[in-house]
């Protein structure tokens, strides 16, 4: 997978920048000495795939999720909240 990075610093193709390997180099703005402007380069870099961490399902999440087709009501302990009673009319 590749991504694009812009920088004012000049790097060579094949060098490593911020952990990425440079594949292509393009000059966006050339340097202008009279205006005291530095050059801006655009680099196409090879981005290594990021590893995603998988978390094991917690026991509470597994216990709280009822089976499909099961219509059992949750008890107050399973809801872990305050149960408010509404007075009768």
PDB file of N, CA and C in Angstrom:
ATOM      1  N   UNK A   1       0.849  -1.161   0.000  1.00  0.00           N
ATOM      2  CA  UNK A   1       0.000   0.000   0.000  1.00  0.00           C
ATOM      3  C   UNK A   1       0.898   1.229   0.000  1.00  0.00           C
ATOM      4  N   UNK A   2       0.524   2.237  -0.737  1.00  0.00           N
ATOM      5  CA  UNK A   2       1.352   3.435  -0.814  1.00  0.00           C
ATOM      6  C   UNK A   2       0.552   4.656  -0.387  1.00  0.00           C
ATOM      7  N   UNK A   3       1.279   5.692   0.017  1.00  0.00           N
ATOM      8  CA  UNK A   3       0.678   6.947   0.421  1.00  0.00           C
ATOM      9  C   UNK A   3       1.591   8.079  -0.029  1.00  0.00           C
ATOM     10  N   UNK A   4       1.106   9.301   0.047  1.00  0.00           N
ATOM     11  CA  UNK A   4       1.865  10.460  -0.407  1.00  0.00           C
ATOM     12  C   UNK A   4       2.236  11.338   0.777  1.00  0.00           C
ATOM     13  N   UNK A   5       3.488  11.790   0.798  1.00  0.00           N
ATOM     14  CA  UNK A   5       3.998  12.668   1.849  1.00  0.00           C
ATOM     15  C   UNK A   5       4.607  13.888   1.178  1.00  0.00           C
ATOM     16  N   UNK A   6       4.352  15.086   1.723  1.00  0.00           N
ATOM     17  CA  UNK A   6       5.001  16.308   1.241  1.00  0.00           C
ATOM     18  C   UNK A   6       6.027  16.752   2.269  1.00  0.00           C
ATOM     19  N   UNK A   7       7.162  17.238   1.760  1.00  0.00           N
ATOM     20  CA  UNK A   7       8.238  17.665   2.648  1.00  0.00           C
ATOM     21  C   UNK A   7       9.055  18.752   1.977  1.00  0.00           C
ATOM     22  N   UNK A   8       9.686  19.608   2.785  1.00  0.00           N
ATOM     23  CA  UNK A   8      10.598  20.619   2.270  1.00  0.00           C
ATOM     24  C   UNK A   8      12.015  20.075   2.144  1.00  0.00           C
ATOM     25  N   UNK A   9      12.246  18.888   2.647  1.00  0.00           N
ATOM     26  CA  UNK A   9      13.568  18.297   2.620  1.00  0.00           C
ATOM     27  C   UNK A   9      13.696  17.368   1.427  1.00  0.00           C
ATOM     28  N   UNK A  10      14.878  17.315   0.871  1.00  0.00           N
ATOM     29  CA  UNK A  10      15.117  16.517  -0.326  1.00  0.00           C
ATOM     30  C   UNK A  10      15.706  15.168   0.077  1.00  0.00           C
ATOM     31  N   UNK A  11      15.012  14.105  -0.289  1.00  0.00           N
ATOM     32  CA  UNK A  11      15.456  12.742  -0.040  1.00  0.00           C
ATOM     33  C   UNK A  11      15.611  12.032  -1.378  1.00  0.00           C
ATOM     34  N   UNK A  12      16.386  10.986  -1.385  1.00  0.00           N
ATOM     35  CA  UNK A  12      16.597  10.203  -2.601  1.00  0.00           C
ATOM     36  C   UNK A  12      15.625   9.025  -2.635  1.00  0.00           C
ATOM     37  N   UNK A  13      15.340   8.530  -3.837  1.00  0.00           N
ATOM     38  CA  UNK A  13      14.467   7.370  -4.005  1.00  0.00           C
ATOM     39  C   UNK A  13      15.162   6.157  -3.394  1.00  0.00           C
ATOM     40  N   UNK A  14      14.433   5.410  -2.603  1.00  0.00           N
ATOM     41  CA  UNK A  14      14.975   4.226  -1.946  1.00  0.00           C
ATOM     42  C   UNK A  14      15.361   4.475  -0.497  1.00  0.00           C
ATOM     43  N   UNK A  15      15.456   5.748  -0.077  1.00  0.00           N
ATOM     44  CA  UNK A  15      15.798   6.031   1.313  1.00  0.00           C
ATOM     45  C   UNK A  15      14.552   5.897   2.191  1.00  0.00           C
ATOM     46  N   UNK A  16      14.756   5.897   3.493  1.00  0.00           N
ATOM     47  CA  UNK A  16      13.669   5.701   4.441  1.00  0.00           C
ATOM     48  C   UNK A  16      13.356   7.011   5.142  1.00  0.00           C
ATOM     49  N   UNK A  17      12.079   7.370   5.166  1.00  0.00           N
ATOM     50  CA  UNK A  17      11.606   8.579   5.835  1.00  0.00           C
ATOM     51  C   UNK A  17      10.457   8.193   6.746  1.00  0.00           C
ATOM     52  N   UNK A  18      10.585   8.472   8.044  1.00  0.00           N
ATOM     53  CA  UNK A  18       9.537   8.183   9.028  1.00  0.00           C
ATOM     54  C   UNK A  18       9.098   6.723   8.968  1.00  0.00           C
ATOM     55  N   UNK A  19      10.001   5.831   8.664  1.00  0.00           N
ATOM     56  CA  UNK A  19       9.682   4.413   8.612  1.00  0.00           C
ATOM     57  C   UNK A  19       9.100   3.957   7.288  1.00  0.00           C
ATOM     58  N   UNK A  20       8.979   4.857   6.309  1.00  0.00           N
ATOM     59  CA  UNK A  20       8.449   4.525   4.991  1.00  0.00           C
ATOM     60  C   UNK A  20       9.581   4.526   3.972  1.00  0.00           C
ATOM     61  N   UNK A  21       9.482   3.715   2.938  1.00  0.00           N
ATOM     62  CA  UNK A  21      10.471   3.663   1.871  1.00  0.00           C
ATOM     63  C   UNK A  21       9.962   4.493   0.698  1.00  0.00           C
ATOM     64  N   UNK A  22      10.800   5.397   0.190  1.00  0.00           N
ATOM     65  CA  UNK A  22      10.411   6.295  -0.900  1.00  0.00           C
ATOM     66  C   UNK A  22      10.427   5.542  -2.220  1.00  0.00           C
ATOM     67  N   UNK A  23       9.306   5.612  -2.960  1.00  0.00           N
ATOM     68  CA  UNK A  23       9.186   4.964  -4.262  1.00  0.00           C
ATOM     69  C   UNK A  23       9.324   5.965  -5.407  1.00  0.00           C
ATOM     70  N   UNK A  24       8.714   7.153  -5.263  1.00  0.00           N
ATOM     71  CA  UNK A  24       8.746   8.174  -6.313  1.00  0.00           C
ATOM     72  C   UNK A  24       8.962   9.535  -5.674  1.00  0.00           C
ATOM     73  N   UNK A  25       9.500  10.468  -6.472  1.00  0.00           N
ATOM     74  CA  UNK A  25       9.770  11.813  -5.985  1.00  0.00           C
ATOM     75  C   UNK A  25       9.344  12.822  -7.054  1.00  0.00           C
ATOM     76  N   UNK A  26       8.576  13.853  -6.652  1.00  0.00           N
ATOM     77  CA  UNK A  26       8.132  14.902  -7.558  1.00  0.00           C
ATOM     78  C   UNK A  26       8.367  16.251  -6.885  1.00  0.00           C
ATOM     79  N   UNK A  27       8.797  17.238  -7.644  1.00  0.00           N
ATOM     80  CA  UNK A  27       8.960  18.591  -7.118  1.00  0.00           C
ATOM     81  C   UNK A  27       7.655  19.345  -7.318  1.00  0.00           C
ATOM     82  N   UNK A  28       7.036  19.788  -6.229  1.00  0.00           N
ATOM     83  CA  UNK A  28       5.787  20.535  -6.298  1.00  0.00           C
ATOM     84  C   UNK A  28       6.099  22.003  -6.565  1.00  0.00           C
ATOM     85  N   UNK A  29       7.019  22.598  -5.777  1.00  0.00           N
ATOM     86  CA  UNK A  29       7.490  23.960  -5.969  1.00  0.00           C
ATOM     87  C   UNK A  29       9.000  23.915  -6.076  1.00  0.00           C
ATOM     88  N   UNK A  30       9.542  24.585  -7.069  1.00  0.00           N
ATOM     89  CA  UNK A  30      10.997  24.667  -7.163  1.00  0.00           C
ATOM     90  C   UNK A  30      11.481  25.801  -6.260  1.00  0.00           C
ATOM     91  N   UNK A  31      12.717  25.760  -5.795  1.00  0.00           N
ATOM     92  CA  UNK A  31      13.201  26.809  -4.891  1.00  0.00           C
ATOM     93  C   UNK A  31      13.343  28.143  -5.620  1.00  0.00           C
ATOM     94  N   UNK A  32      13.003  29.208  -4.940  1.00  0.00           N
ATOM     95  CA  UNK A  32      13.144  30.560  -5.482  1.00  0.00           C
ATOM     96  C   UNK A  32      14.007  31.357  -4.505  1.00  0.00           C
ATOM     97  N   UNK A  33      15.239  31.610  -4.861  1.00  0.00           N
ATOM     98  CA  UNK A  33      16.166  32.290  -3.961  1.00  0.00           C
ATOM     99  C   UNK A  33      15.781  33.744  -3.737  1.00  0.00           C
ATOM    100  N   UNK A  34      15.249  34.419  -4.753  1.00  0.00           N
ATOM    101  CA  UNK A  34      14.870  35.818  -4.591  1.00  0.00           C
ATOM    102  C   UNK A  34      13.715  35.986  -3.609  1.00  0.00           C
ATOM    103  N   UNK A  35      12.796  35.045  -3.592  1.00  0.00           N
ATOM    104  CA  UNK A  35      11.650  35.107  -2.684  1.00  0.00           C
ATOM    105  C   UNK A  35      11.931  34.380  -1.372  1.00  0.00           C
ATOM    106  N   UNK A  36      13.123  33.814  -1.239  1.00  0.00           N
ATOM    107  CA  UNK A  36      13.538  33.035  -0.069  1.00  0.00           C
ATOM    108  C   UNK A  36      12.551  31.894   0.208  1.00  0.00           C
ATOM    109  N   UNK A  37      12.194  31.220  -0.875  1.00  0.00           N
ATOM    110  CA  UNK A  37      11.255  30.105  -0.763  1.00  0.00           C
ATOM    111  C   UNK A  37      12.004  28.811  -0.977  1.00  0.00           C
ATOM    112  N   UNK A  38      11.776  27.865  -0.106  1.00  0.00           N
ATOM    113  CA  UNK A  38      12.387  26.548  -0.248  1.00  0.00           C
ATOM    114  C   UNK A  38      11.542  25.694  -1.180  1.00  0.00           C
ATOM    115  N   UNK A  39      12.140  24.647  -1.687  1.00  0.00           N
ATOM    116  CA  UNK A  39      11.422  23.718  -2.557  1.00  0.00           C
ATOM    117  C   UNK A  39      10.506  22.831  -1.714  1.00  0.00           C
ATOM    118  N   UNK A  40       9.431  22.379  -2.328  1.00  0.00           N
ATOM    119  CA  UNK A  40       8.518  21.435  -1.686  1.00  0.00           C
ATOM    120  C   UNK A  40       8.480  20.202  -2.570  1.00  0.00           C
ATOM    121  N   UNK A  41       8.723  19.057  -1.957  1.00  0.00           N
ATOM    122  CA  UNK A  41       8.762  17.792  -2.682  1.00  0.00           C
ATOM    123  C   UNK A  41       7.605  16.921  -2.235  1.00  0.00           C
ATOM    124  N   UNK A  42       7.097  16.139  -3.169  1.00  0.00           N
ATOM    125  CA  UNK A  42       6.022  15.195  -2.886  1.00  0.00           C
ATOM    126  C   UNK A  42       6.588  13.797  -3.107  1.00  0.00           C
ATOM    127  N   UNK A  43       6.486  12.955  -2.101  1.00  0.00           N
ATOM    128  CA  UNK A  43       7.046  11.608  -2.161  1.00  0.00           C
ATOM    129  C   UNK A  43       5.920  10.580  -2.110  1.00  0.00           C
ATOM    130  N   UNK A  44       5.990   9.594  -2.993  1.00  0.00           N
ATOM    131  CA  UNK A  44       5.097   8.438  -2.913  1.00  0.00           C
ATOM    132  C   UNK A  44       5.885   7.382  -2.159  1.00  0.00           C
ATOM    133  N   UNK A  45       5.367   6.969  -1.020  1.00  0.00           N
ATOM    134  CA  UNK A  45       6.091   6.048  -0.154  1.00  0.00           C
ATOM    135  C   UNK A  45       5.316   4.753   0.003  1.00  0.00           C
ATOM    136  N   UNK A  46       6.052   3.688   0.270  1.00  0.00           N
ATOM    137  CA  UNK A  46       5.461   2.370   0.516  1.00  0.00           C
ATOM    138  C   UNK A  46       5.173   2.271   2.001  1.00  0.00           C
ATOM    139  N   UNK A  47       3.907   2.130   2.337  1.00  0.00           N
ATOM    140  CA  UNK A  47       3.501   2.048   3.737  1.00  0.00           C
ATOM    141  C   UNK A  47       3.299   0.587   4.110  1.00  0.00           C
ATOM    142  N   UNK A  48       4.021   0.100   5.110  1.00  0.00           N
ATOM    143  CA  UNK A  48       3.809  -1.291   5.516  1.00  0.00           C
ATOM    144  C   UNK A  48       2.420  -1.447   6.125  1.00  0.00           C
ATOM    145  N   UNK A  49       1.808  -2.606   5.983  1.00  0.00           N
ATOM    146  CA  UNK A  49       0.466  -2.801   6.550  1.00  0.00           C
ATOM    147  C   UNK A  49       0.522  -2.736   8.068  1.00  0.00           C
ATOM    148  N   UNK A  50      -0.466  -2.088   8.641  1.00  0.00           N
ATOM    149  CA  UNK A  50      -0.520  -1.981  10.092  1.00  0.00           C
ATOM    150  C   UNK A  50      -1.226  -3.200  10.666  1.00  0.00           C
ATOM    151  N   UNK A  51      -0.661  -3.722  11.701  1.00  0.00           N
ATOM    152  CA  UNK A  51      -1.251  -4.886  12.357  1.00  0.00           C
ATOM    153  C   UNK A  51      -2.314  -4.410  13.336  1.00  0.00           C
ATOM    154  N   UNK A  52      -3.493  -4.951  13.218  1.00  0.00           N
ATOM    155  CA  UNK A  52      -4.559  -4.591  14.139  1.00  0.00           C
ATOM    156  C   UNK A  52      -4.608  -5.630  15.247  1.00  0.00           C
ATOM    157  N   UNK A  53      -4.782  -5.133  16.441  1.00  0.00           N
ATOM    158  CA  UNK A  53      -4.862  -6.034  17.583  1.00  0.00           C
ATOM    159  C   UNK A  53      -6.295  -6.516  17.741  1.00  0.00           C
ATOM    160  N   UNK A  54      -6.446  -7.806  17.913  1.00  0.00           N
ATOM    161  CA  UNK A  54      -7.773  -8.356  18.152  1.00  0.00           C
ATOM    162  C   UNK A  54      -7.911  -8.623  19.634  1.00  0.00           C
ATOM    163  N   UNK A  55      -8.970  -8.111  20.188  1.00  0.00           N
ATOM    164  CA  UNK A  55      -9.204  -8.308  21.616  1.00  0.00           C
ATOM    165  C   UNK A  55     -10.138  -9.499  21.805  1.00  0.00           C
ATOM    166  N   UNK A  56      -9.837 -10.334  22.754  1.00  0.00           N
ATOM    167  CA  UNK A  56     -10.772 -11.420  23.025  1.00  0.00           C
ATOM    168  C   UNK A  56     -12.057 -10.850  23.633  1.00  0.00           C
ATOM    169  N   UNK A  57     -13.149 -11.471  23.315  1.00  0.00           N
ATOM    170  CA  UNK A  57     -14.436 -11.007  23.826  1.00  0.00           C
ATOM    171  C   UNK A  57     -14.476 -11.196  25.331  1.00  0.00           C
ATOM    172  N   UNK A  58     -14.941 -10.169  26.028  1.00  0.00           N
ATOM    173  CA  UNK A  58     -15.014 -10.264  27.481  1.00  0.00           C
ATOM    174  C   UNK A  58     -16.167 -11.187  27.871  1.00  0.00           C
ATOM    175  N   UNK A  59     -16.079 -11.707  29.054  1.00  0.00           N
ATOM    176  CA  UNK A  59     -17.119 -12.627  29.524  1.00  0.00           C
ATOM    177  C   UNK A  59     -18.452 -11.903  29.675  1.00  0.00           C
ATOM    178  N   UNK A  60     -18.404 -10.624  30.058  1.00  0.00           N
ATOM    179  CA  UNK A  60     -19.638  -9.868  30.229  1.00  0.00           C
ATOM    180  C   UNK A  60     -20.330  -9.655  28.882  1.00  0.00           C
ATOM    181  N   UNK A  61     -19.549  -9.400  27.833  1.00  0.00           N
ATOM    182  CA  UNK A  61     -20.148  -9.178  26.519  1.00  0.00           C
ATOM    183  C   UNK A  61     -20.750 -10.471  25.976  1.00  0.00           C
ATOM    184  N   UNK A  62     -20.091 -11.575  26.220  1.00  0.00           N
ATOM    185  CA  UNK A  62     -20.601 -12.860  25.752  1.00  0.00           C
ATOM    186  C   UNK A  62     -21.852 -13.236  26.528  1.00  0.00           C
ATOM    187  N   UNK A  63     -21.842 -12.970  27.829  1.00  0.00           N
ATOM    188  CA  UNK A  63     -22.973 -13.328  28.668  1.00  0.00           C
ATOM    189  C   UNK A  63     -24.176 -12.425  28.380  1.00  0.00           C
ATOM    190  N   UNK A  64     -23.930 -11.143  28.082  1.00  0.00           N
ATOM    191  CA  UNK A  64     -25.008 -10.187  27.884  1.00  0.00           C
ATOM    192  C   UNK A  64     -25.724 -10.391  26.549  1.00  0.00           C
ATOM    193  N   UNK A  65     -25.039 -10.949  25.571  1.00  0.00           N
ATOM    194  CA  UNK A  65     -25.650 -11.127  24.261  1.00  0.00           C
ATOM    195  C   UNK A  65     -26.470 -12.412  24.247  1.00  0.00           C
ATOM    196  N   UNK A  66     -27.787 -12.294  24.159  1.00  0.00           N
ATOM    197  CA  UNK A  66     -28.611 -13.515  24.132  1.00  0.00           C
ATOM    198  C   UNK A  66     -28.544 -14.177  22.765  1.00  0.00           C
ATOM    199  N   UNK A  67     -28.891 -15.438  22.740  1.00  0.00           N
ATOM    200  CA  UNK A  67     -28.910 -16.158  21.475  1.00  0.00           C
ATOM    201  C   UNK A  67     -30.022 -15.605  20.598  1.00  0.00           C
ATOM    202  N   UNK A  68     -29.869 -15.778  19.321  1.00  0.00           N
ATOM    203  CA  UNK A  68     -30.892 -15.293  18.401  1.00  0.00           C
ATOM    204  C   UNK A  68     -32.143 -16.167  18.557  1.00  0.00           C
ATOM    205  N   UNK A  69     -33.266 -15.524  18.707  1.00  0.00           N
ATOM    206  CA  UNK A  69     -34.512 -16.258  18.904  1.00  0.00           C
ATOM    207  C   UNK A  69     -34.851 -16.439  20.372  1.00  0.00           C
ATOM    208  N   UNK A  70     -33.960 -16.016  21.260  1.00  0.00           N
ATOM    209  CA  UNK A  70     -34.212 -16.122  22.688  1.00  0.00           C
ATOM    210  C   UNK A  70     -34.829 -14.813  23.166  1.00  0.00           C
ATOM    211  N   UNK A  71     -35.962 -14.887  23.868  1.00  0.00           N
ATOM    212  CA  UNK A  71     -36.644 -13.686  24.312  1.00  0.00           C
ATOM    213  C   UNK A  71     -36.722 -13.638  25.837  1.00  0.00           C
ATOM    214  N   UNK A  72     -35.668 -14.028  26.510  1.00  0.00           N
ATOM    215  CA  UNK A  72     -35.634 -14.002  27.960  1.00  0.00           C
ATOM    216  C   UNK A  72     -35.296 -12.594  28.428  1.00  0.00           C
ATOM    217  N   UNK A  73     -36.050 -12.083  29.375  1.00  0.00           N
ATOM    218  CA  UNK A  73     -35.785 -10.748  29.888  1.00  0.00           C
ATOM    219  C   UNK A  73     -34.546 -10.763  30.766  1.00  0.00           C
ATOM    220  N   UNK A  74     -33.838  -9.653  30.778  1.00  0.00           N
ATOM    221  CA  UNK A  74     -32.647  -9.523  31.607  1.00  0.00           C
ATOM    222  C   UNK A  74     -33.047  -9.193  33.037  1.00  0.00           C
ATOM    223  N   UNK A  75     -32.308  -9.718  33.980  1.00  0.00           N
ATOM    224  CA  UNK A  75     -32.549  -9.426  35.386  1.00  0.00           C
ATOM    225  C   UNK A  75     -31.880  -8.093  35.717  1.00  0.00           C
ATOM    226  N   UNK A  76     -32.234  -7.464  36.832  1.00  0.00           N
ATOM    227  CA  UNK A  76     -31.587  -6.207  37.207  1.00  0.00           C
ATOM    228  C   UNK A  76     -30.067  -6.342  37.365  1.00  0.00           C
ATOM    229  N   UNK A  77     -29.609  -7.498  37.819  1.00  0.00           N
ATOM    230  CA  UNK A  77     -28.161  -7.697  37.961  1.00  0.00           C
ATOM    231  C   UNK A  77     -27.471  -7.708  36.602  1.00  0.00           C
ATOM    232  N   UNK A  78     -28.105  -8.264  35.587  1.00  0.00           N
ATOM    233  CA  UNK A  78     -27.517  -8.307  34.256  1.00  0.00           C
ATOM    234  C   UNK A  78     -27.528  -6.931  33.597  1.00  0.00           C
ATOM    235  N   UNK A  79     -28.514  -6.113  33.926  1.00  0.00           N
ATOM    236  CA  UNK A  79     -28.595  -4.777  33.348  1.00  0.00           C
ATOM    237  C   UNK A  79     -27.592  -3.834  33.984  1.00  0.00           C
ATOM    238  N   UNK A  80     -27.191  -4.083  35.187  1.00  0.00           N
ATOM    239  CA  UNK A  80     -26.219  -3.273  35.918  1.00  0.00           C
ATOM    240  C   UNK A  80     -26.630  -1.806  35.942  1.00  0.00           C
ATOM    241  N   UNK A  81     -27.837  -1.551  36.275  1.00  0.00           N
ATOM    242  CA  UNK A  81     -28.311  -0.176  36.346  1.00  0.00           C
ATOM    243  C   UNK A  81     -29.322  -0.031  37.462  1.00  0.00           C
ATOM    244  N   UNK A  82     -29.811   1.172  37.629  1.00  0.00           N
ATOM    245  CA  UNK A  82     -30.804   1.446  38.657  1.00  0.00           C
ATOM    246  C   UNK A  82     -32.177   1.108  38.110  1.00  0.00           C
ATOM    247  N   UNK A  83     -32.925   0.334  38.892  1.00  0.00           N
ATOM    248  CA  UNK A  83     -34.280  -0.019  38.496  1.00  0.00           C
ATOM    249  C   UNK A  83     -35.227   0.932  39.211  1.00  0.00           C
ATOM    250  N   UNK A  84     -35.967   1.701  38.425  1.00  0.00           N
ATOM    251  CA  UNK A  84     -36.901   2.643  39.008  1.00  0.00           C
ATOM    252  C   UNK A  84     -38.311   2.089  38.912  1.00  0.00           C
ATOM    253  N   UNK A  85     -38.988   2.117  39.980  1.00  0.00           N
ATOM    254  CA  UNK A  85     -40.357   1.637  40.019  1.00  0.00           C
ATOM    255  C   UNK A  85     -41.306   2.831  39.814  1.00  0.00           C
ATOM    256  N   UNK A  86     -42.266   2.658  38.954  1.00  0.00           N
ATOM    257  CA  UNK A  86     -43.242   3.707  38.689  1.00  0.00           C
ATOM    258  C   UNK A  86     -44.449   3.410  39.587  1.00  0.00           C
ATOM    259  N   UNK A  87     -44.876   4.404  40.357  1.00  0.00           N
ATOM    260  CA  UNK A  87     -46.027   4.150  41.246  1.00  0.00           C
ATOM    261  C   UNK A  87     -47.304   3.913  40.428  1.00  0.00           C
ATOM    262  N   UNK A  88     -48.170   3.102  40.975  1.00  0.00           N
ATOM    263  CA  UNK A  88     -49.435   2.826  40.281  1.00  0.00           C
ATOM    264  C   UNK A  88     -50.343   4.035  40.385  1.00  0.00           C
ATOM    265  N   UNK A  89     -51.276   4.170  39.497  1.00  0.00           N
ATOM    266  CA  UNK A  89     -52.173   5.322  39.457  1.00  0.00           C
ATOM    267  C   UNK A  89     -53.368   5.130  40.295  1.00  0.00           C
TER     268      UNK A  89
END
